[in-house]
Amino acid sequence: MTLNNIDNDVRLAVEAAQDKQALDITVLNLRDSGAFSDYFLLCSGSSGPQIQAIGEAVEERLHRNGRRVAHREGRGGGEWYLLDYGFLVVHIFSERARQYYDLERLWRNAERIDVKDENPAGRVGESGAGAVSRNGSGTPRGSHLEAEGDAAQ
């Protein structure tokens, strides 16, 4: 699965995060996991103001598309900003908080879409963006799970 195959609002949220130079953007497809949401969008910011700017950009982009946030947490320079749209939960972390909470590991059985910024425009749907990268065991390439091997699974 790629970002081209998922909900338009998820793509819009990814694009808004990209516009604010969010780091390590990942989408977890939770539809087949029995979770309370269809998708998690995970990304990181390098400072409190950047984390807040990413959150505001995502919220504004989805608002323009007719989506209203049901619940919001973490405004004001915290290390974790959360936007809950029901079908989509956006988690914006500091790099330290993202490593600590490690939602990718918690939801390791979910299909993972790592958004690559390999194309010049950095846009979803263009070459290099939204590819699912997996090693032979089904673990995403380059993740800490790959290094831990089967013991982590």
N, C-alpha and C. Protein backbone atom coordinates (compact mmCIF):
# COMPACT_ATOMS: atom_id res chain seq x y z
N MET A 1 0.84 -1.18 0.00
CA MET A 1 0.00 0.00 0.00
C MET A 1 0.89 1.24 0.00
N THR A 2 0.44 2.25 -0.70
CA THR A 2 1.13 3.54 -0.71
C THR A 2 0.16 4.62 -0.28
N LEU A 3 0.66 5.80 -0.09
CA LEU A 3 -0.20 6.91 0.29
C LEU A 3 -1.21 7.24 -0.81
N ASN A 4 -0.91 6.85 -2.04
CA ASN A 4 -1.86 7.09 -3.13
C ASN A 4 -3.13 6.27 -2.96
N ASN A 5 -3.08 5.18 -2.19
CA ASN A 5 -4.21 4.28 -2.03
C ASN A 5 -5.03 4.55 -0.78
N ILE A 6 -4.69 5.55 0.01
CA ILE A 6 -5.41 5.76 1.27
C ILE A 6 -6.25 7.02 1.22
N ASP A 7 -6.97 7.24 2.28
CA ASP A 7 -7.89 8.36 2.42
C ASP A 7 -7.23 9.69 2.05
N ASN A 8 -7.94 10.51 1.30
CA ASN A 8 -7.44 11.81 0.87
C ASN A 8 -7.06 12.69 2.06
N ASP A 9 -7.82 12.63 3.15
CA ASP A 9 -7.52 13.45 4.31
C ASP A 9 -6.19 13.06 4.95
N VAL A 10 -5.84 11.79 4.91
CA VAL A 10 -4.55 11.34 5.43
C VAL A 10 -3.43 11.93 4.57
N ARG A 11 -3.61 11.89 3.25
CA ARG A 11 -2.61 12.49 2.36
C ARG A 11 -2.46 13.99 2.63
N LEU A 12 -3.59 14.67 2.82
CA LEU A 12 -3.53 16.11 3.11
C LEU A 12 -2.77 16.38 4.40
N ALA A 13 -2.99 15.56 5.42
CA ALA A 13 -2.28 15.72 6.69
C ALA A 13 -0.78 15.50 6.50
N VAL A 14 -0.41 14.51 5.70
CA VAL A 14 1.00 14.25 5.42
C VAL A 14 1.61 15.45 4.70
N GLU A 15 0.92 15.98 3.71
CA GLU A 15 1.44 17.13 2.97
C GLU A 15 1.62 18.34 3.88
N ALA A 16 0.67 18.57 4.79
CA ALA A 16 0.79 19.69 5.73
C ALA A 16 2.02 19.51 6.62
N ALA A 17 2.25 18.29 7.09
CA ALA A 17 3.43 18.01 7.91
C ALA A 17 4.71 18.22 7.10
N GLN A 18 4.71 17.77 5.84
CA GLN A 18 5.87 17.97 4.98
C GLN A 18 6.15 19.46 4.77
N ASP A 19 5.08 20.25 4.61
CA ASP A 19 5.26 21.68 4.40
C ASP A 19 5.96 22.36 5.57
N LYS A 20 5.86 21.79 6.76
CA LYS A 20 6.52 22.33 7.95
C LYS A 20 7.79 21.56 8.30
N GLN A 21 8.32 20.82 7.34
CA GLN A 21 9.56 20.07 7.48
C GLN A 21 9.55 19.08 8.64
N ALA A 22 8.41 18.41 8.83
CA ALA A 22 8.33 17.35 9.85
C ALA A 22 9.34 16.26 9.51
N LEU A 23 9.87 15.62 10.53
CA LEU A 23 10.87 14.57 10.37
C LEU A 23 10.23 13.20 10.48
N ASP A 24 10.77 12.22 9.77
CA ASP A 24 10.39 10.81 9.91
C ASP A 24 8.87 10.60 9.88
N ILE A 25 8.24 11.04 8.81
CA ILE A 25 6.79 10.90 8.70
C ILE A 25 6.44 9.45 8.37
N THR A 26 5.56 8.89 9.18
CA THR A 26 5.11 7.51 9.02
C THR A 26 3.60 7.46 9.19
N VAL A 27 2.94 6.67 8.35
CA VAL A 27 1.51 6.41 8.49
C VAL A 27 1.35 4.93 8.84
N LEU A 28 0.60 4.66 9.89
CA LEU A 28 0.27 3.29 10.25
C LEU A 28 -1.17 3.02 9.86
N ASN A 29 -1.39 1.99 9.07
CA ASN A 29 -2.73 1.58 8.66
C ASN A 29 -3.23 0.60 9.72
N LEU A 30 -4.19 1.03 10.52
CA LEU A 30 -4.70 0.24 11.64
C LEU A 30 -6.06 -0.40 11.35
N ARG A 31 -6.53 -0.29 10.12
CA ARG A 31 -7.88 -0.76 9.81
C ARG A 31 -8.11 -2.22 10.13
N ASP A 32 -7.12 -3.07 9.95
CA ASP A 32 -7.29 -4.50 10.19
C ASP A 32 -6.80 -4.93 11.57
N SER A 33 -6.52 -3.97 12.45
CA SER A 33 -5.94 -4.31 13.75
C SER A 33 -6.95 -4.23 14.89
N GLY A 34 -8.19 -3.84 14.60
CA GLY A 34 -9.18 -3.71 15.66
C GLY A 34 -8.96 -2.48 16.52
N ALA A 35 -8.19 -1.52 16.03
CA ALA A 35 -7.89 -0.31 16.79
C ALA A 35 -9.08 0.65 16.75
N PHE A 36 -9.00 1.67 17.56
CA PHE A 36 -10.04 2.69 17.66
C PHE A 36 -9.97 3.71 16.54
N SER A 37 -8.97 3.63 15.68
CA SER A 37 -8.78 4.56 14.58
C SER A 37 -8.30 3.78 13.36
N ASP A 38 -8.55 4.33 12.18
CA ASP A 38 -8.10 3.67 10.95
C ASP A 38 -6.62 3.92 10.67
N TYR A 39 -6.15 5.13 11.01
CA TYR A 39 -4.77 5.50 10.70
C TYR A 39 -4.15 6.29 11.84
N PHE A 40 -2.85 6.10 12.03
CA PHE A 40 -2.02 6.99 12.84
C PHE A 40 -1.05 7.66 11.89
N LEU A 41 -0.91 8.96 12.01
CA LEU A 41 0.16 9.67 11.33
C LEU A 41 1.15 10.04 12.42
N LEU A 42 2.38 9.59 12.29
CA LEU A 42 3.43 9.87 13.26
C LEU A 42 4.51 10.70 12.59
N CYS A 43 4.96 11.75 13.28
CA CYS A 43 6.08 12.52 12.77
C CYS A 43 6.75 13.22 13.94
N SER A 44 7.89 13.81 13.67
CA SER A 44 8.66 14.48 14.71
C SER A 44 8.99 15.90 14.29
N GLY A 45 9.18 16.73 15.31
CA GLY A 45 9.67 18.08 15.11
C GLY A 45 10.92 18.27 15.95
N SER A 46 11.77 19.19 15.57
CA SER A 46 13.04 19.36 16.28
C SER A 46 12.97 20.40 17.39
N SER A 47 11.81 21.07 17.55
CA SER A 47 11.65 22.06 18.62
C SER A 47 10.17 22.19 18.95
N GLY A 48 9.90 22.75 20.12
CA GLY A 48 8.52 22.98 20.52
C GLY A 48 7.74 23.83 19.52
N PRO A 49 8.31 24.95 19.07
CA PRO A 49 7.60 25.77 18.08
C PRO A 49 7.34 25.02 16.76
N GLN A 50 8.29 24.18 16.33
CA GLN A 50 8.07 23.42 15.10
C GLN A 50 6.96 22.39 15.31
N ILE A 51 6.95 21.71 16.45
CA ILE A 51 5.90 20.74 16.74
C ILE A 51 4.54 21.42 16.68
N GLN A 52 4.43 22.58 17.30
CA GLN A 52 3.16 23.31 17.28
C GLN A 52 2.81 23.76 15.87
N ALA A 53 3.79 24.23 15.10
CA ALA A 53 3.53 24.66 13.73
C ALA A 53 3.04 23.51 12.86
N ILE A 54 3.61 22.33 13.05
CA ILE A 54 3.16 21.15 12.29
C ILE A 54 1.71 20.85 12.65
N GLY A 55 1.40 20.85 13.94
CA GLY A 55 0.03 20.57 14.37
C GLY A 55 -0.97 21.57 13.82
N GLU A 56 -0.63 22.83 13.88
CA GLU A 56 -1.52 23.87 13.37
C GLU A 56 -1.70 23.74 11.87
N ALA A 57 -0.64 23.39 11.15
CA ALA A 57 -0.73 23.23 9.69
C ALA A 57 -1.63 22.06 9.32
N VAL A 58 -1.48 20.95 10.03
CA VAL A 58 -2.35 19.78 9.77
C VAL A 58 -3.80 20.14 10.05
N GLU A 59 -4.03 20.77 11.21
CA GLU A 59 -5.40 21.12 11.58
C GLU A 59 -6.03 22.08 10.57
N GLU A 60 -5.26 23.07 10.13
CA GLU A 60 -5.79 24.04 9.17
C GLU A 60 -6.08 23.39 7.81
N ARG A 61 -5.18 22.52 7.36
CA ARG A 61 -5.36 21.85 6.06
C ARG A 61 -6.61 20.97 6.08
N LEU A 62 -6.79 20.21 7.14
CA LEU A 62 -7.96 19.33 7.22
C LEU A 62 -9.24 20.14 7.44
N HIS A 63 -9.15 21.25 8.16
CA HIS A 63 -10.31 22.13 8.36
C HIS A 63 -10.79 22.69 7.02
N ARG A 64 -9.85 23.08 6.16
CA ARG A 64 -10.21 23.57 4.82
C ARG A 64 -10.90 22.50 4.00
N ASN A 65 -10.64 21.24 4.33
CA ASN A 65 -11.25 20.12 3.61
C ASN A 65 -12.52 19.62 4.32
N GLY A 66 -13.00 20.37 5.31
CA GLY A 66 -14.25 20.04 5.97
C GLY A 66 -14.13 19.12 7.17
N ARG A 67 -12.93 18.84 7.62
CA ARG A 67 -12.72 17.97 8.79
C ARG A 67 -12.49 18.82 10.03
N ARG A 68 -13.16 18.45 11.10
CA ARG A 68 -12.98 19.14 12.37
C ARG A 68 -12.33 18.19 13.36
N VAL A 69 -11.35 18.70 14.09
CA VAL A 69 -10.66 17.89 15.09
C VAL A 69 -11.64 17.62 16.24
N ALA A 70 -11.73 16.36 16.66
CA ALA A 70 -12.61 15.99 17.76
C ALA A 70 -11.94 16.23 19.11
N HIS A 71 -10.62 16.06 19.15
CA HIS A 71 -9.89 16.22 20.40
C HIS A 71 -8.45 16.64 20.09
N ARG A 72 -7.94 17.53 20.91
CA ARG A 72 -6.59 18.04 20.71
C ARG A 72 -5.88 18.04 22.06
N GLU A 73 -4.62 17.63 22.07
CA GLU A 73 -3.80 17.67 23.29
C GLU A 73 -2.40 18.14 22.95
N GLY A 74 -1.77 18.79 23.93
CA GLY A 74 -0.35 19.08 23.82
C GLY A 74 0.03 20.43 23.25
N ARG A 75 -0.88 21.35 23.16
CA ARG A 75 -0.50 22.68 22.66
C ARG A 75 0.39 23.39 23.67
N GLY A 76 1.14 24.33 23.18
CA GLY A 76 1.93 25.16 24.08
C GLY A 76 3.35 24.68 24.30
N GLY A 77 3.97 24.12 23.30
CA GLY A 77 5.38 23.80 23.39
C GLY A 77 5.73 22.48 24.04
N GLY A 78 4.77 21.59 24.18
CA GLY A 78 5.06 20.28 24.75
C GLY A 78 5.84 19.40 23.80
N GLU A 79 6.11 18.19 24.24
CA GLU A 79 6.88 17.25 23.43
C GLU A 79 5.99 16.32 22.61
N TRP A 80 4.67 16.41 22.79
CA TRP A 80 3.76 15.53 22.06
C TRP A 80 2.48 16.31 21.79
N TYR A 81 2.18 16.48 20.53
CA TYR A 81 0.97 17.19 20.09
C TYR A 81 0.09 16.16 19.41
N LEU A 82 -1.16 16.07 19.83
CA LEU A 82 -2.05 15.04 19.31
C LEU A 82 -3.31 15.69 18.75
N LEU A 83 -3.71 15.25 17.55
CA LEU A 83 -4.96 15.66 16.92
C LEU A 83 -5.77 14.41 16.62
N ASP A 84 -6.97 14.33 17.17
CA ASP A 84 -7.81 13.14 17.01
C ASP A 84 -8.99 13.49 16.12
N TYR A 85 -9.04 12.87 14.95
CA TYR A 85 -10.13 13.05 14.01
C TYR A 85 -11.05 11.84 13.96
N GLY A 86 -10.88 10.90 14.86
CA GLY A 86 -11.67 9.68 14.85
C GLY A 86 -11.04 8.63 13.95
N PHE A 87 -11.15 8.80 12.66
CA PHE A 87 -10.57 7.86 11.69
C PHE A 87 -9.06 8.01 11.61
N LEU A 88 -8.53 9.17 12.03
CA LEU A 88 -7.11 9.50 11.94
C LEU A 88 -6.68 10.16 13.24
N VAL A 89 -5.59 9.66 13.82
CA VAL A 89 -4.97 10.32 14.98
C VAL A 89 -3.57 10.74 14.55
N VAL A 90 -3.30 12.03 14.68
CA VAL A 90 -2.01 12.60 14.30
C VAL A 90 -1.19 12.78 15.57
N HIS A 91 -0.01 12.16 15.61
CA HIS A 91 0.91 12.28 16.73
C HIS A 91 2.15 13.02 16.24
N ILE A 92 2.43 14.16 16.86
CA ILE A 92 3.62 14.94 16.51
C ILE A 92 4.49 14.99 17.76
N PHE A 93 5.66 14.41 17.68
CA PHE A 93 6.53 14.23 18.83
C PHE A 93 7.81 15.05 18.71
N SER A 94 8.43 15.31 19.86
CA SER A 94 9.85 15.64 19.84
C SER A 94 10.55 14.32 19.53
N GLU A 95 11.77 14.38 19.07
CA GLU A 95 12.48 13.14 18.75
C GLU A 95 12.65 12.27 20.01
N ARG A 96 12.90 12.90 21.14
CA ARG A 96 13.07 12.16 22.40
C ARG A 96 11.78 11.47 22.83
N ALA A 97 10.66 12.18 22.76
CA ALA A 97 9.37 11.60 23.15
C ALA A 97 8.98 10.47 22.19
N ARG A 98 9.28 10.63 20.92
CA ARG A 98 8.94 9.57 19.96
C ARG A 98 9.70 8.29 20.27
N GLN A 99 10.97 8.41 20.60
CA GLN A 99 11.75 7.22 20.98
C GLN A 99 11.21 6.61 22.26
N TYR A 100 10.83 7.43 23.21
CA TYR A 100 10.35 6.93 24.50
C TYR A 100 9.03 6.17 24.36
N TYR A 101 8.05 6.78 23.68
CA TYR A 101 6.73 6.14 23.56
C TYR A 101 6.72 5.03 22.52
N ASP A 102 7.52 5.16 21.48
CA ASP A 102 7.75 4.11 20.49
C ASP A 102 6.45 3.48 19.97
N LEU A 103 5.55 4.30 19.46
CA LEU A 103 4.28 3.79 18.96
C LEU A 103 4.45 2.85 17.78
N GLU A 104 5.52 3.05 17.00
CA GLU A 104 5.76 2.12 15.88
C GLU A 104 5.96 0.69 16.40
N ARG A 105 6.63 0.56 17.52
CA ARG A 105 6.84 -0.78 18.08
C ARG A 105 5.55 -1.31 18.69
N LEU A 106 4.82 -0.46 19.39
CA LEU A 106 3.56 -0.86 19.99
C LEU A 106 2.57 -1.38 18.93
N TRP A 107 2.55 -0.71 17.80
CA TRP A 107 1.64 -1.08 16.70
C TRP A 107 2.43 -1.76 15.57
N ARG A 108 3.42 -2.55 15.90
CA ARG A 108 4.32 -3.15 14.90
C ARG A 108 3.62 -4.09 13.93
N ASN A 109 2.45 -4.59 14.26
CA ASN A 109 1.73 -5.47 13.34
C ASN A 109 0.92 -4.71 12.30
N ALA A 110 0.82 -3.41 12.46
CA ALA A 110 0.08 -2.58 11.49
C ALA A 110 0.93 -2.39 10.24
N GLU A 111 0.26 -2.24 9.12
CA GLU A 111 0.99 -1.91 7.89
C GLU A 111 1.56 -0.51 8.04
N ARG A 112 2.81 -0.35 7.67
CA ARG A 112 3.54 0.89 7.88
C ARG A 112 3.90 1.50 6.54
N ILE A 113 3.63 2.78 6.41
CA ILE A 113 3.98 3.53 5.21
C ILE A 113 4.95 4.63 5.63
N ASP A 114 6.21 4.47 5.25
CA ASP A 114 7.22 5.48 5.55
C ASP A 114 7.24 6.47 4.40
N VAL A 115 7.04 7.73 4.69
CA VAL A 115 7.01 8.76 3.67
C VAL A 115 8.43 9.25 3.45
N LYS A 116 8.88 9.09 2.24
CA LYS A 116 10.25 9.50 1.88
C LYS A 116 10.21 10.88 1.25
N ASP A 117 11.18 11.70 1.59
CA ASP A 117 11.32 13.02 0.97
C ASP A 117 12.45 12.99 -0.05
N GLU A 118 12.37 12.03 -0.97
CA GLU A 118 13.43 11.87 -1.95
C GLU A 118 13.20 12.68 -3.21
N ASN A 119 11.99 13.17 -3.43
CA ASN A 119 11.74 13.95 -4.64
C ASN A 119 11.89 15.43 -4.31
N PRO A 120 12.24 16.24 -5.30
CA PRO A 120 12.52 17.65 -5.04
C PRO A 120 11.34 18.40 -4.46
N ALA A 121 10.12 18.11 -4.90
CA ALA A 121 8.96 18.83 -4.41
C ALA A 121 8.55 18.35 -3.03
N GLY A 122 8.96 17.13 -2.64
CA GLY A 122 8.60 16.60 -1.34
C GLY A 122 7.11 16.32 -1.22
N ARG A 123 6.45 16.06 -2.33
CA ARG A 123 5.02 15.88 -2.34
C ARG A 123 4.62 14.42 -2.40
N VAL A 124 3.56 14.12 -1.69
CA VAL A 124 3.00 12.77 -1.69
C VAL A 124 2.51 12.45 -3.09
N GLY A 125 2.70 11.22 -3.50
CA GLY A 125 2.19 10.78 -4.79
C GLY A 125 3.20 10.90 -5.91
N GLU A 126 4.30 11.62 -5.67
CA GLU A 126 5.33 11.70 -6.67
C GLU A 126 6.36 10.63 -6.40
N SER A 127 7.25 10.45 -7.30
CA SER A 127 8.26 9.40 -7.19
C SER A 127 8.99 9.48 -5.86
N GLY A 128 9.05 8.32 -5.16
CA GLY A 128 9.79 8.25 -3.92
C GLY A 128 8.96 8.49 -2.68
N ALA A 129 7.78 9.05 -2.79
CA ALA A 129 6.99 9.35 -1.60
C ALA A 129 5.99 8.25 -1.33
N GLY A 130 5.88 7.88 -0.08
CA GLY A 130 4.84 6.97 0.34
C GLY A 130 5.13 5.51 0.10
N ALA A 131 6.36 5.15 -0.09
CA ALA A 131 6.68 3.74 -0.33
C ALA A 131 6.72 2.98 0.98
N VAL A 132 6.26 1.75 0.93
CA VAL A 132 6.37 0.87 2.09
C VAL A 132 7.67 0.12 1.94
N SER A 133 8.55 0.29 2.88
CA SER A 133 9.85 -0.36 2.83
C SER A 133 9.90 -1.45 3.87
N ARG A 134 10.07 -2.70 3.45
CA ARG A 134 10.09 -3.82 4.38
C ARG A 134 11.29 -4.71 4.09
N ASN A 135 11.78 -5.33 5.17
CA ASN A 135 12.82 -6.33 4.96
C ASN A 135 12.16 -7.68 4.72
N GLY A 136 12.91 -8.74 4.60
CA GLY A 136 12.36 -10.05 4.29
C GLY A 136 11.41 -10.60 5.34
N SER A 137 11.50 -10.16 6.58
CA SER A 137 10.64 -10.68 7.64
C SER A 137 9.37 -9.88 7.79
N GLY A 138 9.17 -8.85 6.95
CA GLY A 138 7.98 -8.02 7.06
C GLY A 138 8.18 -6.80 7.94
N THR A 139 9.36 -6.64 8.51
CA THR A 139 9.66 -5.50 9.35
C THR A 139 10.13 -4.35 8.47
N PRO A 140 9.67 -3.12 8.74
CA PRO A 140 10.11 -1.99 7.93
C PRO A 140 11.62 -1.84 7.94
N ARG A 141 12.20 -1.59 6.74
CA ARG A 141 13.64 -1.38 6.63
C ARG A 141 14.06 -0.13 7.38
N GLY A 142 15.21 -0.25 8.02
CA GLY A 142 15.78 0.92 8.68
C GLY A 142 15.16 1.18 10.04
N SER A 143 14.19 0.40 10.46
CA SER A 143 13.58 0.64 11.77
C SER A 143 14.39 -0.07 12.84
N HIS A 144 14.15 0.32 14.08
CA HIS A 144 14.85 -0.34 15.17
C HIS A 144 14.42 -1.81 15.26
N LEU A 145 13.26 -2.15 14.73
CA LEU A 145 12.79 -3.54 14.77
C LEU A 145 13.65 -4.42 13.88
N GLU A 146 14.09 -3.88 12.75
CA GLU A 146 14.94 -4.66 11.87
C GLU A 146 16.23 -5.04 12.57
N ALA A 147 16.81 -4.11 13.30
CA ALA A 147 18.08 -4.37 13.98
C ALA A 147 17.90 -5.40 15.10
N GLU A 148 16.74 -5.38 15.76
CA GLU A 148 16.48 -6.33 16.85
C GLU A 148 16.15 -7.70 16.35
N GLY A 149 15.77 -7.80 15.08
CA GLY A 149 15.45 -9.11 14.49
C GLY A 149 14.16 -9.67 15.02
N ASP A 150 14.03 -10.98 14.95
CA ASP A 150 12.79 -11.65 15.33
C ASP A 150 12.49 -11.56 16.81
N ALA A 151 13.44 -11.23 17.65
CA ALA A 151 13.21 -11.14 19.09
C ALA A 151 12.20 -10.05 19.40
N ALA A 152 12.16 -8.99 18.57
CA ALA A 152 11.24 -7.89 18.82
C ALA A 152 9.84 -8.22 18.37
N GLN A 153 9.69 -9.25 17.56
CA GLN A 153 8.37 -9.57 17.04
C GLN A 153 7.82 -10.68 17.84
